[in-house]
Amino acid sequence: MEQNKITLDELLRSAGKQLREEFREIQECNPHAGDKGFEAEEVLKRFLIDRLPKRFDVKSGIVIGRDGSVSRQCDVIIYDALNSFVYRNGPKLHILPRDNVAAVIEVKSKLNKDELQDAAKKIAAVKSIKCSPICGADQPVTLSDMIMTGTLGCVFAFDSYTSLETLADNLKEINTGQDSNHWIDLIVVLDKGCISYAFQGIYNKKFVAWFGGALDDNFLIPPLYVHLVQVPFGERTLNHFFLKLMAHLTFFRKLSIVRLDELQPETGQAQTIQGYQYNLKRQLVPSEERHQSGKFENPKIRFNLYLRKERTLAGQVCLLPWQDGAVITISSLFQPAIISQQYFQRLKLRSTLIPMEVESAKVWMSSVLQISEADFIKVSENIHPDIISVRDISDDNPPPIKI
């Protein structure tokens, strides 16, 4: 009976082989270069139309914003067909509103640096168009509070002239000339692998996948590193592409249900190409040297916290420099909010606390803040009536207090 079972992983790998065969037939049997590109786009569009939730449709065309700004022509546009107004429904060119465009894909027969540069400009043109903020007209998407309003920007290539690593280096160079909010989110080279980004927490060596497209102009700045990575998925490349796409569509401004765990392919070894950090302008910029592997510098400004009655060490609060801002880190035997609120309220800062596991201990971190050393020290010296705070001037940080 077990032999009759089939998995989504197997189905998508089979679909990948079919895509490859259809593309090979186009290359061998169509003598016109222009038609080859159009047929390659149609192959991918058919694959998506046959498999995406019917809430979404797939077209080629132009994206338009409420202010009248327009993108360049996009090879593939995935949009919310149940809720979208269509400005133009032509045989080859549609005009669709930015608010309902969930993803755009540039399709390349054989990817090189020039083709990647062209795709980056087209995707940036879409992402630069502002979407409307979440409002009362938006319906709940899932039981979670997450709603994606951004457009996922992808490049899908049937082949490439160079290795994934070379393409990743090309993308790193291209990114230096663009607003980080307009970067390509995902590059897919069929049967080879993917280039995308991954999150990494402070003091944590593990990477967490980033699905992209979820950020707005006022997102809270996370104290996380963002890494440009390339992963050789091989024949499971299509699985990874479909997983990332569905993860985005699931939370895109309405309801789309998919069991993501069934689509998770076996991952290859990720290779870091470049590390980035958010600055206070919410732009991704190259990580500072003091935050790089092997060169990480512990916070220089630290206060040890003692319970006034017991005279026992109960925690530590630190100021960790982060580009043009800083992050408050707290290790504590009591509720960290008791400490953090002193800074947030007195200095009128908008922030949140993010828990991190550090060597089996828990450390809480604020989002990246516009806070000076002087303000941090002033609050720290008189942080709470029940707490004695003492400036830590030792050479190294004491270990976090274990909960």
Protein backbone atom coordinates (compact mmCIF):
# COMPACT_ATOMS: atom_id res chain seq x y z
CA MET A 1 0.00 0.00 0.00
CA GLU A 2 2.89 2.31 0.81
CA GLN A 3 4.12 1.97 -2.77
CA ASN A 4 0.98 3.73 -4.05
CA LYS A 5 1.68 6.92 -2.08
CA ILE A 6 2.87 10.02 -3.86
CA THR A 7 4.19 13.27 -2.38
CA LEU A 8 3.99 16.90 -3.46
CA ASP A 9 7.77 16.84 -3.58
CA GLU A 10 7.64 14.14 -6.27
CA LEU A 11 4.89 15.90 -8.20
CA LEU A 12 6.80 19.17 -8.32
CA ARG A 13 10.04 17.45 -9.30
CA SER A 14 8.14 15.82 -12.14
CA ALA A 15 6.72 19.22 -13.13
CA GLY A 16 10.26 20.61 -13.18
CA LYS A 17 11.33 17.92 -15.64
CA GLN A 18 8.29 18.70 -17.79
CA LEU A 19 9.17 22.41 -17.81
CA ARG A 20 12.71 21.56 -18.86
CA GLU A 21 11.46 19.33 -21.73
CA GLU A 22 9.00 21.95 -22.97
CA PHE A 23 11.73 24.57 -22.91
CA ARG A 24 14.13 22.25 -24.78
CA GLU A 25 11.50 21.66 -27.45
CA ILE A 26 11.08 25.43 -27.89
CA GLN A 27 14.83 25.93 -28.24
CA GLU A 28 15.20 23.15 -30.78
CA CYS A 29 12.09 23.68 -32.91
CA ASN A 30 11.44 27.43 -32.98
CA PRO A 31 13.90 29.33 -35.22
CA HIS A 32 12.71 32.82 -34.19
CA ALA A 33 14.52 34.26 -31.15
CA GLY A 34 11.67 36.63 -30.24
CA ASP A 35 9.09 33.87 -30.29
CA LYS A 36 11.32 31.64 -28.16
CA GLY A 37 11.21 34.15 -25.31
CA PHE A 38 7.44 34.52 -25.58
CA GLU A 39 6.93 30.74 -25.59
CA ALA A 40 9.19 30.33 -22.55
CA GLU A 41 7.00 32.81 -20.67
CA GLU A 42 3.89 30.89 -21.71
CA VAL A 43 5.33 27.62 -20.40
CA LEU A 44 5.85 29.12 -16.94
CA LYS A 45 2.46 30.85 -17.00
CA ARG A 46 0.68 27.58 -17.78
CA PHE A 47 2.52 25.88 -14.93
CA LEU A 48 1.37 28.60 -12.49
CA ILE A 49 -2.21 28.83 -13.78
CA ASP A 50 -2.66 25.08 -13.38
CA ARG A 51 -1.35 25.04 -9.78
CA LEU A 52 -2.05 28.33 -8.01
CA PRO A 53 -5.24 28.88 -5.96
CA LYS A 54 -8.01 30.12 -8.22
CA ARG A 55 -8.10 33.37 -6.29
CA PHE A 56 -4.96 34.27 -8.27
CA ASP A 57 -4.55 34.63 -12.01
CA VAL A 58 -1.45 35.00 -14.16
CA LYS A 59 -1.01 37.57 -16.93
CA SER A 60 1.61 39.62 -18.75
CA GLY A 61 1.44 43.38 -18.72
CA ILE A 62 1.95 46.58 -16.76
CA VAL A 63 1.41 47.51 -13.11
CA ILE A 64 -0.12 50.90 -12.31
CA GLY A 65 -0.29 52.79 -9.01
CA ARG A 66 -3.05 54.96 -7.62
CA ASP A 67 -0.95 58.01 -8.39
CA GLY A 68 -0.76 57.02 -12.05
CA SER A 69 2.83 55.76 -11.97
CA VAL A 70 3.41 52.75 -14.22
CA SER A 71 5.95 49.96 -14.40
CA ARG A 72 7.77 48.59 -17.40
CA GLN A 73 6.15 45.60 -19.09
CA CYS A 74 6.38 42.49 -16.89
CA ASP A 75 6.69 38.96 -18.26
CA VAL A 76 4.49 37.39 -15.57
CA ILE A 77 2.13 39.13 -13.13
CA ILE A 78 0.38 37.16 -10.40
CA TYR A 79 -2.58 39.10 -9.04
CA ASP A 80 -5.67 38.67 -6.87
CA ALA A 81 -8.22 38.05 -9.62
CA LEU A 82 -11.16 37.83 -7.20
CA ASN A 83 -10.67 41.35 -5.90
CA SER A 84 -8.73 43.18 -8.58
CA PHE A 85 -10.03 45.80 -10.94
CA VAL A 86 -8.46 45.26 -14.39
CA TYR A 87 -7.62 48.51 -16.15
CA ARG A 88 -6.98 46.78 -19.45
CA ASN A 89 -7.61 43.20 -20.52
CA GLY A 90 -5.75 42.79 -23.78
CA PRO A 91 -4.69 39.65 -25.66
CA LYS A 92 -1.02 40.12 -24.70
CA LEU A 93 -0.93 43.10 -22.35
CA HIS A 94 -2.93 43.65 -19.18
CA ILE A 95 -2.85 46.72 -16.97
CA LEU A 96 -3.35 45.84 -13.31
CA PRO A 97 -3.49 47.87 -10.07
CA ARG A 98 -0.45 47.71 -7.79
CA ASP A 99 -2.56 46.99 -4.67
CA ASN A 100 -3.64 43.61 -6.08
CA VAL A 101 -0.35 42.50 -7.63
CA ALA A 102 1.13 39.83 -5.37
CA ALA A 103 4.19 38.92 -7.44
CA VAL A 104 6.00 39.69 -10.67
CA ILE A 105 8.35 37.29 -12.44
CA GLU A 106 10.88 38.07 -15.15
CA VAL A 107 11.46 34.99 -17.32
CA LYS A 108 14.86 34.37 -18.92
CA SER A 109 15.82 31.54 -21.28
CA LYS A 110 19.48 31.67 -20.25
CA LEU A 111 20.46 34.09 -17.51
CA ASN A 112 23.60 36.24 -17.51
CA LYS A 113 24.62 39.48 -15.80
CA ASP A 114 23.07 41.74 -18.46
CA GLU A 115 19.78 39.85 -18.34
CA LEU A 116 19.84 40.02 -14.53
CA GLN A 117 20.46 43.77 -14.64
CA ASP A 118 17.47 44.19 -16.97
CA ALA A 119 15.27 42.08 -14.69
CA ALA A 120 16.37 44.07 -11.63
CA LYS A 121 15.31 47.34 -13.28
CA LYS A 122 11.90 45.95 -14.22
CA ILE A 123 11.26 44.56 -10.75
CA ALA A 124 12.43 47.81 -9.13
CA ALA A 125 9.99 49.73 -11.33
CA VAL A 126 7.12 47.66 -9.88
CA LYS A 127 8.31 47.82 -6.27
CA SER A 128 8.82 51.59 -6.43
CA ILE A 129 5.09 52.03 -6.99
CA LYS A 130 3.53 52.65 -3.59
CA CYS A 131 0.70 50.42 -2.46
CA SER A 132 -2.20 51.60 -0.33
CA PRO A 133 -1.79 51.06 3.42
CA ILE A 134 -3.87 48.45 5.23
CA CYS A 135 -7.27 49.96 6.00
CA GLY A 136 -10.83 49.03 6.96
CA ALA A 137 -11.53 47.83 3.44
CA ASP A 138 -9.02 44.99 3.83
CA GLN A 139 -10.46 41.65 4.87
CA PRO A 140 -8.78 39.24 7.31
CA VAL A 141 -6.32 37.00 5.51
CA THR A 142 -5.62 34.22 8.00
CA LEU A 143 -6.06 33.73 11.74
CA SER A 144 -2.68 35.42 12.22
CA ASP A 145 -2.20 39.18 12.10
CA MET A 146 0.26 38.97 9.22
CA ILE A 147 -0.86 40.57 5.98
CA MET A 148 1.51 40.98 3.05
CA THR A 149 1.07 44.08 0.93
CA GLY A 150 4.41 44.04 -0.88
CA THR A 151 5.02 42.55 -4.30
CA LEU A 152 7.39 39.58 -4.48
CA GLY A 153 9.94 40.15 -7.25
CA CYS A 154 11.36 37.01 -8.90
CA VAL A 155 13.59 36.06 -11.80
CA PHE A 156 12.93 32.62 -13.30
CA ALA A 157 15.56 31.24 -15.68
CA PHE A 158 15.48 27.94 -17.52
CA ASP A 159 19.28 27.96 -17.63
CA SER A 160 22.26 30.23 -16.95
CA TYR A 161 25.56 31.01 -18.61
CA THR A 162 27.36 31.10 -15.26
CA SER A 163 27.26 29.39 -11.88
CA LEU A 164 24.84 30.34 -9.11
CA GLU A 165 27.72 31.82 -7.13
CA THR A 166 28.70 34.10 -10.02
CA LEU A 167 25.07 35.20 -10.45
CA ALA A 168 24.91 35.91 -6.71
CA ASP A 169 28.01 38.08 -6.99
CA ASN A 170 26.39 39.84 -9.94
CA LEU A 171 23.28 40.50 -7.85
CA LYS A 172 25.39 41.82 -4.97
CA GLU A 173 26.94 44.35 -7.39
CA ILE A 174 23.56 45.29 -8.90
CA ASN A 175 22.07 45.80 -5.41
CA THR A 176 24.62 48.50 -4.58
CA GLY A 177 22.96 50.80 -7.10
CA GLN A 178 19.37 50.31 -5.90
CA ASP A 179 17.11 51.09 -2.97
CA SER A 180 17.07 47.89 -0.88
CA ASN A 181 13.26 48.00 -0.80
CA HIS A 182 13.32 47.49 -4.57
CA TRP A 183 15.71 44.52 -4.72
CA ILE A 184 14.95 41.21 -6.41
CA ASP A 185 13.64 38.79 -3.75
CA LEU A 186 14.35 35.49 -5.48
CA ILE A 187 16.34 34.19 -8.46
CA VAL A 188 15.49 30.70 -9.72
CA VAL A 189 17.60 28.75 -12.19
CA LEU A 190 15.69 25.57 -13.00
CA ASP A 191 17.44 22.36 -11.89
CA LYS A 192 20.36 24.39 -10.48
CA GLY A 193 19.17 26.33 -7.44
CA CYS A 194 18.06 29.64 -5.99
CA ILE A 195 19.51 32.95 -4.86
CA SER A 196 17.60 34.79 -2.15
CA TYR A 197 17.98 36.19 1.36
CA ALA A 198 17.96 34.75 4.86
CA PHE A 199 17.60 36.24 8.35
CA GLN A 200 20.05 35.60 11.16
CA GLY A 201 19.54 36.62 14.78
CA ILE A 202 22.29 38.09 16.91
CA TYR A 203 24.28 35.38 18.72
CA ASN A 204 22.57 32.78 16.54
CA LYS A 205 24.33 30.85 13.78
CA LYS A 206 21.13 29.51 12.24
CA PHE A 207 19.55 31.14 9.21
CA VAL A 208 15.79 31.67 8.85
CA ALA A 209 14.25 31.94 5.38
CA TRP A 210 12.97 35.32 4.26
CA PHE A 211 9.99 35.23 1.93
CA GLY A 212 10.24 38.90 1.01
CA GLY A 213 7.57 41.40 0.06
CA ALA A 214 6.16 41.80 3.58
CA LEU A 215 7.59 45.16 4.54
CA ASP A 216 5.96 48.57 4.46
CA ASP A 217 7.36 52.06 5.00
CA ASN A 218 6.87 51.94 8.78
CA PHE A 219 7.95 48.44 9.75
CA LEU A 220 9.69 48.07 13.10
CA ILE A 221 13.39 47.65 12.40
CA PRO A 222 14.45 44.16 13.51
CA PRO A 223 17.92 43.67 15.03
CA LEU A 224 18.64 40.93 12.53
CA TYR A 225 21.25 40.34 9.88
CA VAL A 226 20.00 39.79 6.33
CA HIS A 227 22.24 37.57 4.20
CA LEU A 228 22.32 37.21 0.44
CA VAL A 229 22.66 33.45 -0.11
CA GLN A 230 22.73 30.94 -2.93
CA VAL A 231 21.55 27.35 -2.44
CA PRO A 232 22.05 24.55 -5.04
CA PHE A 233 18.69 22.78 -4.79
CA GLY A 234 19.21 20.81 -8.01
CA GLU A 235 16.07 19.03 -9.19
CA ARG A 236 14.18 20.40 -6.17
CA THR A 237 14.66 24.01 -7.29
CA LEU A 238 11.08 24.23 -8.54
CA ASN A 239 9.85 23.01 -5.14
CA HIS A 240 11.67 25.86 -3.41
CA PHE A 241 10.34 28.43 -5.88
CA PHE A 242 6.78 27.20 -5.43
CA LEU A 243 7.14 27.12 -1.65
CA LYS A 244 8.34 30.73 -1.46
CA LEU A 245 5.67 31.89 -3.86
CA MET A 246 2.87 30.14 -1.96
CA ALA A 247 4.15 31.40 1.39
CA HIS A 248 3.78 34.92 0.06
CA LEU A 249 0.41 34.39 -1.61
CA THR A 250 -1.02 32.75 1.51
CA PHE A 251 -0.74 36.02 3.43
CA PHE A 252 -1.37 38.44 0.57
CA ARG A 253 -4.26 40.71 1.54
CA LYS A 254 -6.88 37.94 1.70
CA LEU A 255 -7.27 34.19 2.21
CA SER A 256 -5.19 31.51 0.48
CA ILE A 257 -4.70 28.13 2.19
CA VAL A 258 -1.76 25.81 1.64
CA ARG A 259 0.11 23.32 3.83
CA LEU A 260 3.60 24.67 3.50
CA ASP A 261 5.20 21.79 5.39
CA GLU A 262 4.29 19.39 2.56
CA LEU A 263 6.15 21.56 0.06
CA GLN A 264 9.36 22.05 2.03
CA PRO A 265 12.17 20.57 -0.07
CA GLU A 266 15.40 19.21 1.27
CA THR A 267 17.68 22.19 1.63
CA GLY A 268 21.22 22.40 0.35
CA GLN A 269 24.13 24.14 1.99
CA ALA A 270 23.60 27.92 1.99
CA GLN A 271 26.63 30.03 1.12
CA THR A 272 26.69 33.60 2.43
CA ILE A 273 27.49 36.12 -0.28
CA GLN A 274 26.96 39.38 1.62
CA GLY A 275 25.57 40.39 5.00
CA TYR A 276 23.34 43.46 5.41
CA GLN A 277 21.77 45.43 8.26
CA TYR A 278 18.88 47.88 8.34
CA ASN A 279 19.79 51.46 9.19
CA LEU A 280 17.39 54.03 10.65
CA LYS A 281 16.26 54.99 7.14
CA ARG A 282 15.04 51.39 6.76
CA GLN A 283 17.59 50.74 4.03
CA LEU A 284 19.67 47.58 3.90
CA VAL A 285 23.37 48.45 3.91
CA PRO A 286 26.47 46.21 4.21
CA SER A 287 27.04 44.91 7.74
CA GLU A 288 29.54 46.79 9.86
CA GLU A 289 32.84 45.03 10.47
CA ARG A 290 32.11 44.76 14.20
CA HIS A 291 29.05 42.65 13.37
CA GLN A 292 30.83 40.24 11.06
CA SER A 293 31.64 36.65 11.93
CA GLY A 294 34.79 36.40 14.00
CA LYS A 295 34.90 40.16 14.52
CA PHE A 296 31.73 40.66 16.55
CA GLU A 297 32.18 43.22 19.32
CA ASN A 298 30.14 42.91 22.50
CA PRO A 299 28.38 46.05 23.73
CA LYS A 300 30.74 48.48 25.46
CA ILE A 301 28.03 50.17 27.53
CA ARG A 302 26.55 47.72 30.04
CA PHE A 303 24.77 47.93 33.36
CA ASN A 304 24.42 45.04 35.79
CA LEU A 305 21.07 44.99 37.59
CA TYR A 306 20.75 43.98 41.26
CA LEU A 307 17.59 43.49 43.30
CA ARG A 308 17.74 46.20 45.95
CA LYS A 309 16.45 44.04 48.82
CA GLU A 310 18.33 40.83 48.11
CA ARG A 311 21.49 42.49 46.71
CA THR A 312 21.69 39.70 44.11
CA LEU A 313 22.47 39.96 40.43
CA ALA A 314 19.21 39.78 38.50
CA GLY A 315 20.10 40.88 35.02
CA GLN A 316 22.02 43.06 32.64
CA VAL A 317 21.07 45.73 30.14
CA CYS A 318 23.35 46.75 27.25
CA LEU A 319 23.45 49.21 24.36
CA LEU A 320 24.50 47.46 21.14
CA PRO A 321 25.50 49.86 18.31
CA TRP A 322 23.66 49.15 15.06
CA GLN A 323 24.61 51.20 12.00
CA ASP A 324 23.33 54.75 12.74
CA GLY A 325 21.18 53.55 15.69
CA ALA A 326 21.42 51.08 18.54
CA VAL A 327 19.66 48.08 20.11
CA ILE A 328 18.86 47.66 23.80
CA THR A 329 19.56 44.10 24.99
CA ILE A 330 18.17 42.75 28.27
CA SER A 331 18.89 39.55 30.20
CA SER A 332 16.78 39.32 33.32
CA LEU A 333 15.31 36.99 35.95
CA PHE A 334 12.11 39.05 35.95
CA GLN A 335 9.85 40.37 33.24
CA PRO A 336 12.04 42.25 30.69
CA ALA A 337 9.16 44.64 29.96
CA ILE A 338 9.71 46.18 33.42
CA ILE A 339 13.12 47.30 32.17
CA SER A 340 12.36 48.06 28.54
CA GLN A 341 9.37 50.27 29.29
CA GLN A 342 11.60 52.59 31.29
CA TYR A 343 13.52 53.40 28.11
CA PHE A 344 10.55 53.37 25.74
CA GLN A 345 8.36 55.62 27.88
CA ARG A 346 10.96 58.06 29.19
CA LEU A 347 12.62 58.53 25.81
CA LYS A 348 9.34 58.29 23.86
CA LEU A 349 10.59 55.45 21.65
CA ARG A 350 8.43 53.23 19.48
CA SER A 351 9.73 49.69 19.83
CA THR A 352 9.05 46.09 20.68
CA LEU A 353 10.95 43.27 22.40
CA ILE A 354 12.25 40.27 20.49
CA PRO A 355 13.27 37.16 22.49
CA MET A 356 16.51 35.43 21.46
CA GLU A 357 18.04 32.17 22.66
CA VAL A 358 21.74 32.62 23.50
CA GLU A 359 23.54 29.51 24.74
CA SER A 360 20.41 28.11 26.46
CA ALA A 361 19.70 31.50 28.05
CA LYS A 362 17.13 34.05 26.97
CA VAL A 363 18.00 37.59 25.90
CA TRP A 364 15.44 40.18 24.83
CA MET A 365 16.26 42.82 22.25
CA SER A 366 14.56 45.99 21.19
CA SER A 367 14.10 46.94 17.58
CA VAL A 368 16.76 49.29 16.21
CA LEU A 369 16.32 52.67 17.90
CA GLN A 370 17.45 56.24 17.49
CA ILE A 371 18.96 56.46 20.95
CA SER A 372 22.14 58.18 22.12
CA GLU A 373 24.67 56.75 24.55
CA ALA A 374 23.98 59.66 26.92
CA ASP A 375 20.22 58.97 27.01
CA PHE A 376 20.79 55.26 27.54
CA ILE A 377 23.19 55.88 30.42
CA LYS A 378 20.86 58.45 32.01
CA VAL A 379 17.93 56.03 32.14
CA SER A 380 20.10 53.05 33.09
CA GLU A 381 21.59 54.78 36.13
CA ASN A 382 18.15 55.24 37.67
CA ILE A 383 16.14 52.53 36.03
CA HIS A 384 13.71 51.37 38.74
CA PRO A 385 13.13 51.96 42.47
CA ASP A 386 13.56 48.25 43.27
CA ILE A 387 16.74 47.87 41.22
CA ILE A 388 20.32 48.97 41.77
CA SER A 389 22.14 49.43 38.46
CA VAL A 390 25.92 49.42 38.30
CA ARG A 391 28.01 50.23 35.24
CA ASP A 392 29.90 47.11 34.12
CA ILE A 393 33.47 48.02 33.24
CA SER A 394 34.90 44.50 32.96
CA ASP A 395 36.63 43.52 29.74
CA ASP A 396 34.08 40.92 28.76
CA ASN A 397 30.34 40.55 29.15
CA PRO A 398 29.28 38.33 32.04
CA PRO A 399 27.25 35.38 30.68
CA PRO A 400 23.50 35.92 30.33
CA ILE A 401 21.48 34.88 33.35
CA LYS A 402 19.93 31.46 32.76
CA ILE A 403 16.19 31.21 33.25
